[in-house]
Amino acid sequence: PIARERASALLGYDVPGERLIIIGDTPADVHCGRGVGARAIAVATGGFTVEELAAHEPAATFADPTDTARVLQAIRDA
């Protein structure tokens, strides 16, 4: 909710949660935006594996963000 409020304030209009994408490397990141309808993309660059992150049902999961074409496609599809 804080990120949504900050985005809305910065842009000058209400940003609905479904227009937000969270990118993170922990299960907490995957879950953090669900209350406002945001979707998450998980990247296993921290202490969690792809399998561990995928178990939390993000919109997409990557081992790392180096395949930028696939990551950008996941953002568009999320």
PDB file of N, CA and C in Angstrom:
ATOM      1  N   PRO A   1       0.807  -1.218   0.000  1.00  0.00           N
ATOM      2  CA  PRO A   1       0.000   0.000   0.000  1.00  0.00           C
ATOM      3  C   PRO A   1       0.846   1.278   0.000  1.00  0.00           C
ATOM      4  N   ILE A   2       2.000   1.231   0.665  1.00  0.00           N
ATOM      5  CA  ILE A   2       2.867   2.413   0.711  1.00  0.00           C
ATOM      6  C   ILE A   2       3.399   2.732  -0.676  1.00  0.00           C
ATOM      7  N   ALA A   3       3.847   1.711  -1.400  1.00  0.00           N
ATOM      8  CA  ALA A   3       4.366   1.932  -2.759  1.00  0.00           C
ATOM      9  C   ALA A   3       3.271   2.478  -3.667  1.00  0.00           C
ATOM     10  N   ARG A   4       2.060   1.971  -3.519  1.00  0.00           N
ATOM     11  CA  ARG A   4       0.936   2.462  -4.322  1.00  0.00           C
ATOM     12  C   ARG A   4       0.669   3.931  -4.025  1.00  0.00           C
ATOM     13  N   GLU A   5       0.666   4.299  -2.744  1.00  0.00           N
ATOM     14  CA  GLU A   5       0.455   5.694  -2.366  1.00  0.00           C
ATOM     15  C   GLU A   5       1.563   6.589  -2.905  1.00  0.00           C
ATOM     16  N   ARG A   6       2.804   6.117  -2.814  1.00  0.00           N
ATOM     17  CA  ARG A   6       3.924   6.925  -3.316  1.00  0.00           C
ATOM     18  C   ARG A   6       3.860   7.085  -4.825  1.00  0.00           C
ATOM     19  N   ALA A   7       3.520   6.021  -5.529  1.00  0.00           N
ATOM     20  CA  ALA A   7       3.398   6.112  -6.984  1.00  0.00           C
ATOM     21  C   ALA A   7       2.292   7.081  -7.364  1.00  0.00           C
ATOM     22  N   SER A   8       1.179   6.993  -6.677  1.00  0.00           N
ATOM     23  CA  SER A   8       0.061   7.906  -6.961  1.00  0.00           C
ATOM     24  C   SER A   8       0.450   9.353  -6.711  1.00  0.00           C
ATOM     25  N   ALA A   9       1.146   9.602  -5.601  1.00  0.00           N
ATOM     26  CA  ALA A   9       1.568  10.969  -5.282  1.00  0.00           C
ATOM     27  C   ALA A   9       2.576  11.481  -6.316  1.00  0.00           C
ATOM     28  N   LEU A  10       3.512  10.626  -6.703  1.00  0.00           N
ATOM     29  CA  LEU A  10       4.535  11.032  -7.661  1.00  0.00           C
ATOM     30  C   LEU A  10       3.940  11.328  -9.038  1.00  0.00           C
ATOM     31  N   LEU A  11       2.998  10.500  -9.452  1.00  0.00           N
ATOM     32  CA  LEU A  11       2.411  10.646 -10.781  1.00  0.00           C
ATOM     33  C   LEU A  11       1.258  11.644 -10.829  1.00  0.00           C
ATOM     34  N   GLY A  12       0.682  11.926  -9.666  1.00  0.00           N
ATOM     35  CA  GLY A  12      -0.403  12.891  -9.613  1.00  0.00           C
ATOM     36  C   GLY A  12      -1.771  12.315  -9.937  1.00  0.00           C
ATOM     37  N   TYR A  13      -1.893  11.010  -9.941  1.00  0.00           N
ATOM     38  CA  TYR A  13      -3.194  10.373 -10.131  1.00  0.00           C
ATOM     39  C   TYR A  13      -3.193   9.021  -9.433  1.00  0.00           C
ATOM     40  N   ASP A  14      -4.377   8.507  -9.154  1.00  0.00           N
ATOM     41  CA  ASP A  14      -4.497   7.243  -8.447  1.00  0.00           C
ATOM     42  C   ASP A  14      -3.990   6.102  -9.318  1.00  0.00           C
ATOM     43  N   VAL A  15      -3.085   5.316  -8.771  1.00  0.00           N
ATOM     44  CA  VAL A  15      -2.563   4.147  -9.471  1.00  0.00           C
ATOM     45  C   VAL A  15      -3.226   2.916  -8.855  1.00  0.00           C
ATOM     46  N   PRO A  16      -4.083   2.247  -9.607  1.00  0.00           N
ATOM     47  CA  PRO A  16      -4.732   1.061  -9.054  1.00  0.00           C
ATOM     48  C   PRO A  16      -3.715  -0.065  -8.845  1.00  0.00           C
ATOM     49  N   GLY A  17      -3.955  -0.876  -7.835  1.00  0.00           N
ATOM     50  CA  GLY A  17      -3.027  -1.950  -7.506  1.00  0.00           C
ATOM     51  C   GLY A  17      -2.743  -2.886  -8.658  1.00  0.00           C
ATOM     52  N   GLU A  18      -3.744  -3.154  -9.480  1.00  0.00           N
ATOM     53  CA  GLU A  18      -3.522  -4.084 -10.593  1.00  0.00           C
ATOM     54  C   GLU A  18      -2.564  -3.530 -11.650  1.00  0.00           C
ATOM     55  N   ARG A  19      -2.207  -2.263 -11.539  1.00  0.00           N
ATOM     56  CA  ARG A  19      -1.225  -1.658 -12.449  1.00  0.00           C
ATOM     57  C   ARG A  19       0.192  -1.691 -11.876  1.00  0.00           C
ATOM     58  N   LEU A  20       0.337  -2.284 -10.687  1.00  0.00           N
ATOM     59  CA  LEU A  20       1.638  -2.338 -10.020  1.00  0.00           C
ATOM     60  C   LEU A  20       2.273  -3.703 -10.152  1.00  0.00           C
ATOM     61  N   ILE A  21       3.565  -3.714 -10.378  1.00  0.00           N
ATOM     62  CA  ILE A  21       4.360  -4.933 -10.429  1.00  0.00           C
ATOM     63  C   ILE A  21       5.425  -4.826  -9.348  1.00  0.00           C
ATOM     64  N   ILE A  22       5.511  -5.839  -8.510  1.00  0.00           N
ATOM     65  CA  ILE A  22       6.537  -5.914  -7.481  1.00  0.00           C
ATOM     66  C   ILE A  22       7.596  -6.879  -7.986  1.00  0.00           C
ATOM     67  N   ILE A  23       8.849  -6.490  -7.952  1.00  0.00           N
ATOM     68  CA  ILE A  23       9.946  -7.381  -8.316  1.00  0.00           C
ATOM     69  C   ILE A  23      10.795  -7.560  -7.072  1.00  0.00           C
ATOM     70  N   GLY A  24      10.966  -8.810  -6.663  1.00  0.00           N
ATOM     71  CA  GLY A  24      11.721  -9.057  -5.449  1.00  0.00           C
ATOM     72  C   GLY A  24      12.305 -10.450  -5.396  1.00  0.00           C
ATOM     73  N   ASP A  25      13.086 -10.688  -4.340  1.00  0.00           N
ATOM     74  CA  ASP A  25      13.786 -11.970  -4.230  1.00  0.00           C
ATOM     75  C   ASP A  25      13.458 -12.741  -2.954  1.00  0.00           C
ATOM     76  N   THR A  26      12.321 -12.406  -2.327  1.00  0.00           N
ATOM     77  CA  THR A  26      11.907 -13.124  -1.124  1.00  0.00           C
ATOM     78  C   THR A  26      10.408 -13.432  -1.203  1.00  0.00           C
ATOM     79  N   PRO A  27       9.960 -14.429  -0.438  1.00  0.00           N
ATOM     80  CA  PRO A  27       8.515 -14.671  -0.374  1.00  0.00           C
ATOM     81  C   PRO A  27       7.751 -13.442   0.112  1.00  0.00           C
ATOM     82  N   ALA A  28       8.332 -12.673   1.016  1.00  0.00           N
ATOM     83  CA  ALA A  28       7.671 -11.454   1.497  1.00  0.00           C
ATOM     84  C   ALA A  28       7.438 -10.480   0.349  1.00  0.00           C
ATOM     85  N   ASP A  29       8.395 -10.388  -0.574  1.00  0.00           N
ATOM     86  CA  ASP A  29       8.222  -9.519  -1.743  1.00  0.00           C
ATOM     87  C   ASP A  29       7.056 -10.005  -2.600  1.00  0.00           C
ATOM     88  N   VAL A  30       6.939 -11.324  -2.754  1.00  0.00           N
ATOM     89  CA  VAL A  30       5.849 -11.889  -3.554  1.00  0.00           C
ATOM     90  C   VAL A  30       4.502 -11.540  -2.933  1.00  0.00           C
ATOM     91  N   HIS A  31       4.422 -11.563  -1.624  1.00  0.00           N
ATOM     92  CA  HIS A  31       3.151 -11.338  -0.932  1.00  0.00           C
ATOM     93  C   HIS A  31       2.842  -9.866  -0.651  1.00  0.00           C
ATOM     94  N   CYS A  32       3.832  -8.992  -0.694  1.00  0.00           N
ATOM     95  CA  CYS A  32       3.653  -7.634  -0.170  1.00  0.00           C
ATOM     96  C   CYS A  32       2.589  -6.816  -0.883  1.00  0.00           C
ATOM     97  N   GLY A  33       2.394  -6.993  -2.148  1.00  0.00           N
ATOM     98  CA  GLY A  33       1.425  -6.170  -2.858  1.00  0.00           C
ATOM     99  C   GLY A  33       0.061  -6.789  -3.060  1.00  0.00           C
ATOM    100  N   ARG A  34      -0.124  -8.011  -2.596  1.00  0.00           N
ATOM    101  CA  ARG A  34      -1.390  -8.697  -2.847  1.00  0.00           C
ATOM    102  C   ARG A  34      -2.590  -7.976  -2.249  1.00  0.00           C
ATOM    103  N   GLY A  35      -2.393  -7.296  -1.148  1.00  0.00           N
ATOM    104  CA  GLY A  35      -3.494  -6.584  -0.504  1.00  0.00           C
ATOM    105  C   GLY A  35      -4.081  -5.480  -1.363  1.00  0.00           C
ATOM    106  N   VAL A  36      -3.294  -4.946  -2.301  1.00  0.00           N
ATOM    107  CA  VAL A  36      -3.791  -3.897  -3.189  1.00  0.00           C
ATOM    108  C   VAL A  36      -3.947  -4.402  -4.623  1.00  0.00           C
ATOM    109  N   GLY A  37      -3.761  -5.706  -4.823  1.00  0.00           N
ATOM    110  CA  GLY A  37      -3.941  -6.282  -6.149  1.00  0.00           C
ATOM    111  C   GLY A  37      -2.714  -6.268  -7.033  1.00  0.00           C
ATOM    112  N   ALA A  38      -1.552  -5.900  -6.485  1.00  0.00           N
ATOM    113  CA  ALA A  38      -0.322  -5.894  -7.277  1.00  0.00           C
ATOM    114  C   ALA A  38       0.124  -7.324  -7.563  1.00  0.00           C
ATOM    115  N   ARG A  39       0.847  -7.488  -8.649  1.00  0.00           N
ATOM    116  CA  ARG A  39       1.404  -8.790  -9.000  1.00  0.00           C
ATOM    117  C   ARG A  39       2.897  -8.770  -8.771  1.00  0.00           C
ATOM    118  N   ALA A  40       3.448  -9.944  -8.514  1.00  0.00           N
ATOM    119  CA  ALA A  40       4.866 -10.031  -8.190  1.00  0.00           C
ATOM    120  C   ALA A  40       5.619 -10.854  -9.222  1.00  0.00           C
ATOM    121  N   ILE A  41       6.837 -10.444  -9.457  1.00  0.00           N
ATOM    122  CA  ILE A  41       7.800 -11.220 -10.236  1.00  0.00           C
ATOM    123  C   ILE A  41       8.948 -11.522  -9.292  1.00  0.00           C
ATOM    124  N   ALA A  42       9.249 -12.802  -9.144  1.00  0.00           N
ATOM    125  CA  ALA A  42      10.288 -13.228  -8.217  1.00  0.00           C
ATOM    126  C   ALA A  42      11.580 -13.531  -8.966  1.00  0.00           C
ATOM    127  N   VAL A  43      12.687 -13.098  -8.387  1.00  0.00           N
ATOM    128  CA  VAL A  43      14.010 -13.325  -8.954  1.00  0.00           C
ATOM    129  C   VAL A  43      14.879 -13.941  -7.866  1.00  0.00           C
ATOM    130  N   ALA A  44      15.406 -15.127  -8.133  1.00  0.00           N
ATOM    131  CA  ALA A  44      16.152 -15.876  -7.117  1.00  0.00           C
ATOM    132  C   ALA A  44      17.599 -15.410  -6.997  1.00  0.00           C
ATOM    133  N   THR A  45      17.761 -14.135  -6.716  1.00  0.00           N
ATOM    134  CA  THR A  45      19.108 -13.575  -6.560  1.00  0.00           C
ATOM    135  C   THR A  45      19.497 -13.422  -5.102  1.00  0.00           C
ATOM    136  N   GLY A  46      18.591 -13.760  -4.201  1.00  0.00           N
ATOM    137  CA  GLY A  46      18.852 -13.658  -2.767  1.00  0.00           C
ATOM    138  C   GLY A  46      19.052 -15.038  -2.166  1.00  0.00           C
ATOM    139  N   GLY A  47      18.476 -15.260  -1.023  1.00  0.00           N
ATOM    140  CA  GLY A  47      18.662 -16.513  -0.314  1.00  0.00           C
ATOM    141  C   GLY A  47      17.631 -17.578  -0.602  1.00  0.00           C
ATOM    142  N   PHE A  48      16.745 -17.381  -1.589  1.00  0.00           N
ATOM    143  CA  PHE A  48      15.698 -18.342  -1.905  1.00  0.00           C
ATOM    144  C   PHE A  48      15.885 -18.879  -3.315  1.00  0.00           C
ATOM    145  N   THR A  49      15.567 -20.152  -3.497  1.00  0.00           N
ATOM    146  CA  THR A  49      15.689 -20.779  -4.811  1.00  0.00           C
ATOM    147  C   THR A  49      14.475 -20.433  -5.670  1.00  0.00           C
ATOM    148  N   VAL A  50      14.591 -20.724  -6.957  1.00  0.00           N
ATOM    149  CA  VAL A  50      13.472 -20.544  -7.875  1.00  0.00           C
ATOM    150  C   VAL A  50      12.276 -21.355  -7.387  1.00  0.00           C
ATOM    151  N   GLU A  51      12.523 -22.585  -6.971  1.00  0.00           N
ATOM    152  CA  GLU A  51      11.439 -23.452  -6.516  1.00  0.00           C
ATOM    153  C   GLU A  51      10.762 -22.902  -5.264  1.00  0.00           C
ATOM    154  N   GLU A  52      11.560 -22.402  -4.326  1.00  0.00           N
ATOM    155  CA  GLU A  52      10.994 -21.839  -3.093  1.00  0.00           C
ATOM    156  C   GLU A  52      10.131 -20.619  -3.395  1.00  0.00           C
ATOM    157  N   LEU A  53      10.608 -19.763  -4.293  1.00  0.00           N
ATOM    158  CA  LEU A  53       9.835 -18.577  -4.656  1.00  0.00           C
ATOM    159  C   LEU A  53       8.588 -18.940  -5.451  1.00  0.00           C
ATOM    160  N   ALA A  54       8.712 -19.889  -6.368  1.00  0.00           N
ATOM    161  CA  ALA A  54       7.578 -20.299  -7.192  1.00  0.00           C
ATOM    162  C   ALA A  54       6.450 -20.870  -6.340  1.00  0.00           C
ATOM    163  N   ALA A  55       6.782 -21.470  -5.211  1.00  0.00           N
ATOM    164  CA  ALA A  55       5.771 -22.030  -4.318  1.00  0.00           C
ATOM    165  C   ALA A  55       4.815 -20.959  -3.785  1.00  0.00           C
ATOM    166  N   HIS A  56       5.224 -19.694  -3.847  1.00  0.00           N
ATOM    167  CA  HIS A  56       4.387 -18.582  -3.363  1.00  0.00           C
ATOM    168  C   HIS A  56       3.552 -17.963  -4.480  1.00  0.00           C
ATOM    169  N   GLU A  57       3.602 -18.558  -5.651  1.00  0.00           N
ATOM    170  CA  GLU A  57       2.756 -18.215  -6.798  1.00  0.00           C
ATOM    171  C   GLU A  57       2.887 -16.780  -7.302  1.00  0.00           C
ATOM    172  N   PRO A  58       4.123 -16.343  -7.587  1.00  0.00           N
ATOM    173  CA  PRO A  58       4.266 -15.044  -8.251  1.00  0.00           C
ATOM    174  C   PRO A  58       3.793 -15.152  -9.702  1.00  0.00           C
ATOM    175  N   ALA A  59       3.641 -14.030 -10.357  1.00  0.00           N
ATOM    176  CA  ALA A  59       3.247 -14.029 -11.766  1.00  0.00           C
ATOM    177  C   ALA A  59       4.310 -14.688 -12.639  1.00  0.00           C
ATOM    178  N   ALA A  60       5.575 -14.565 -12.233  1.00  0.00           N
ATOM    179  CA  ALA A  60       6.691 -15.190 -12.944  1.00  0.00           C
ATOM    180  C   ALA A  60       7.855 -15.346 -11.974  1.00  0.00           C
ATOM    181  N   THR A  61       8.726 -16.300 -12.279  1.00  0.00           N
ATOM    182  CA  THR A  61       9.897 -16.539 -11.444  1.00  0.00           C
ATOM    183  C   THR A  61      11.104 -16.732 -12.342  1.00  0.00           C
ATOM    184  N   PHE A  62      12.220 -16.106 -11.961  1.00  0.00           N
ATOM    185  CA  PHE A  62      13.457 -16.210 -12.724  1.00  0.00           C
ATOM    186  C   PHE A  62      14.613 -16.533 -11.797  1.00  0.00           C
ATOM    187  N   ALA A  63      15.598 -17.239 -12.323  1.00  0.00           N
ATOM    188  CA  ALA A  63      16.822 -17.502 -11.560  1.00  0.00           C
ATOM    189  C   ALA A  63      17.587 -16.198 -11.365  1.00  0.00           C
ATOM    190  N   ASP A  64      17.592 -15.365 -12.393  1.00  0.00           N
ATOM    191  CA  ASP A  64      18.237 -14.055 -12.338  1.00  0.00           C
ATOM    192  C   ASP A  64      17.609 -13.194 -13.442  1.00  0.00           C
ATOM    193  N   PRO A  65      17.872 -11.898 -13.439  1.00  0.00           N
ATOM    194  CA  PRO A  65      17.210 -11.019 -14.410  1.00  0.00           C
ATOM    195  C   PRO A  65      17.994 -10.799 -15.702  1.00  0.00           C
ATOM    196  N   THR A  66      18.971 -11.652 -16.004  1.00  0.00           N
ATOM    197  CA  THR A  66      19.836 -11.374 -17.152  1.00  0.00           C
ATOM    198  C   THR A  66      19.157 -11.541 -18.503  1.00  0.00           C
ATOM    199  N   ASP A  67      18.114 -12.349 -18.578  1.00  0.00           N
ATOM    200  CA  ASP A  67      17.380 -12.483 -19.841  1.00  0.00           C
ATOM    201  C   ASP A  67      16.313 -11.384 -19.857  1.00  0.00           C
ATOM    202  N   THR A  68      16.764 -10.185 -20.168  1.00  0.00           N
ATOM    203  CA  THR A  68      15.880  -9.023 -20.044  1.00  0.00           C
ATOM    204  C   THR A  68      14.646  -9.115 -20.929  1.00  0.00           C
ATOM    205  N   ALA A  69      14.760  -9.744 -22.084  1.00  0.00           N
ATOM    206  CA  ALA A  69      13.592  -9.876 -22.959  1.00  0.00           C
ATOM    207  C   ALA A  69      12.501 -10.685 -22.265  1.00  0.00           C
ATOM    208  N   ARG A  70      12.872 -11.776 -21.614  1.00  0.00           N
ATOM    209  CA  ARG A  70      11.886 -12.604 -20.900  1.00  0.00           C
ATOM    210  C   ARG A  70      11.326 -11.869 -19.683  1.00  0.00           C
ATOM    211  N   VAL A  71      12.187 -11.140 -18.977  1.00  0.00           N
ATOM    212  CA  VAL A  71      11.724 -10.397 -17.802  1.00  0.00           C
ATOM    213  C   VAL A  71      10.738  -9.316 -18.235  1.00  0.00           C
ATOM    214  N   LEU A  72      11.067  -8.571 -19.272  1.00  0.00           N
ATOM    215  CA  LEU A  72      10.159  -7.530 -19.762  1.00  0.00           C
ATOM    216  C   LEU A  72       8.844  -8.128 -20.247  1.00  0.00           C
ATOM    217  N   GLN A  73       8.904  -9.287 -20.894  1.00  0.00           N
ATOM    218  CA  GLN A  73       7.673  -9.943 -21.328  1.00  0.00           C
ATOM    219  C   GLN A  73       6.833 -10.356 -20.132  1.00  0.00           C
ATOM    220  N   ALA A  74       7.484 -10.838 -19.077  1.00  0.00           N
ATOM    221  CA  ALA A  74       6.756 -11.211 -17.851  1.00  0.00           C
ATOM    222  C   ALA A  74       6.088  -9.988 -17.232  1.00  0.00           C
ATOM    223  N   ILE A  75       6.772  -8.847 -17.262  1.00  0.00           N
ATOM    224  CA  ILE A  75       6.182  -7.619 -16.732  1.00  0.00           C
ATOM    225  C   ILE A  75       4.952  -7.247 -17.555  1.00  0.00           C
ATOM    226  N   ARG A  76       5.060  -7.325 -18.854  1.00  0.00           N
ATOM    227  CA  ARG A  76       3.912  -6.993 -19.715  1.00  0.00           C
ATOM    228  C   ARG A  76       2.765  -7.966 -19.506  1.00  0.00           C
ATOM    229  N   ASP A  77       3.073  -9.230 -19.271  1.00  0.00           N
ATOM    230  CA  ASP A  77       2.040 -10.263 -19.133  1.00  0.00           C
ATOM    231  C   ASP A  77       1.445 -10.341 -17.733  1.00  0.00           C
ATOM    232  N   ALA A  78       2.118  -9.762 -16.750  1.00  0.00           N
ATOM    233  CA  ALA A  78       1.707  -9.932 -15.348  1.00  0.00           C
ATOM    234  C   ALA A  78       0.360  -9.342 -15.043  1.00  0.00           C
TER     235      ALA A  78
END
